[in-house]
Protein backbone atom coordinates (compact mmCIF):
# COMPACT_ATOMS: atom_id res chain seq x y z
CA MET A 1 -124.87 12.92 -54.41
CA HIS A 2 -122.71 15.89 -55.28
CA PRO A 3 -124.14 19.13 -53.81
CA MET A 4 -125.04 20.79 -57.54
CA VAL A 5 -127.09 17.69 -58.59
CA TRP A 6 -129.35 18.50 -55.76
CA LEU A 7 -129.59 21.84 -56.18
CA GLY A 8 -130.49 20.79 -59.97
CA LEU A 9 -133.23 18.55 -59.01
CA ALA A 10 -134.39 21.33 -56.62
CA LEU A 11 -134.59 24.13 -59.67
CA LEU A 12 -136.47 21.19 -61.57
CA VAL A 13 -138.78 20.63 -59.30
CA LEU A 14 -139.54 24.20 -58.42
CA TRP A 15 -139.72 25.28 -62.32
CA ALA A 16 -142.76 21.95 -62.74
CA ILE A 17 -144.58 23.17 -59.99
CA ALA A 18 -144.14 27.12 -61.52
CA TRP A 19 -145.37 25.73 -64.88
CA LEU A 20 -148.48 23.94 -63.31
CA VAL A 21 -149.60 27.20 -61.25
CA LEU A 22 -148.88 29.42 -64.19
CA LYS A 23 -150.97 27.05 -66.32
CA VAL A 24 -154.04 26.81 -63.77
CA VAL A 25 -153.75 30.59 -62.92
CA SER A 26 -154.11 31.31 -67.00
CA PHE A 27 -157.09 28.87 -66.82
CA ALA A 28 -158.94 30.67 -64.28
CA VAL A 29 -157.93 34.22 -65.52
CA HIS A 30 -159.57 33.05 -69.00
CA LEU A 31 -162.51 31.87 -67.25
CA LEU A 32 -163.48 34.93 -65.58
CA LEU A 33 -162.67 36.82 -68.90
CA ILE A 34 -165.50 34.85 -70.67
CA ALA A 35 -167.92 35.15 -67.71
CA ALA A 36 -167.13 39.05 -67.40
CA VAL A 37 -168.25 38.89 -71.32
CA LEU A 38 -171.36 36.86 -70.66
CA PHE A 39 -172.55 38.77 -67.93
CA VAL A 40 -171.76 41.76 -70.53
CA VAL A 41 -174.01 41.12 -72.99
CA TRP A 42 -176.96 39.29 -70.69
CA GLY A 43 -177.02 43.01 -69.00
CA LEU A 44 -177.16 44.71 -72.51
CA VAL A 45 -179.93 42.26 -73.94
CA LYS A 46 -182.14 42.65 -71.30
CA ARG A 47 -181.89 46.73 -71.01
CA GLY A 48 -182.58 46.12 -74.72
CA ALA A 49 -185.78 43.70 -73.98
CA ARG A 50 -186.72 46.39 -71.11
CA LYS A 51 -186.84 49.23 -73.39
CA ALA A 52 -188.50 47.70 -76.60
CA GLY A 53 -191.34 46.58 -73.40
CA LEU A 54 -190.32 42.98 -73.94
């Protein structure tokens, strides 16, 4: 095969791998953000319950 075809195929494979990694990282960041918000809310609720004497 012509070298330019190999280069095109290699770039296509690298692009697909980078796209997949980006999707996985984006999913992980959103999960961490949701977990952080839940922990903040949980801490505020516990603090409010403690101050209310519950």
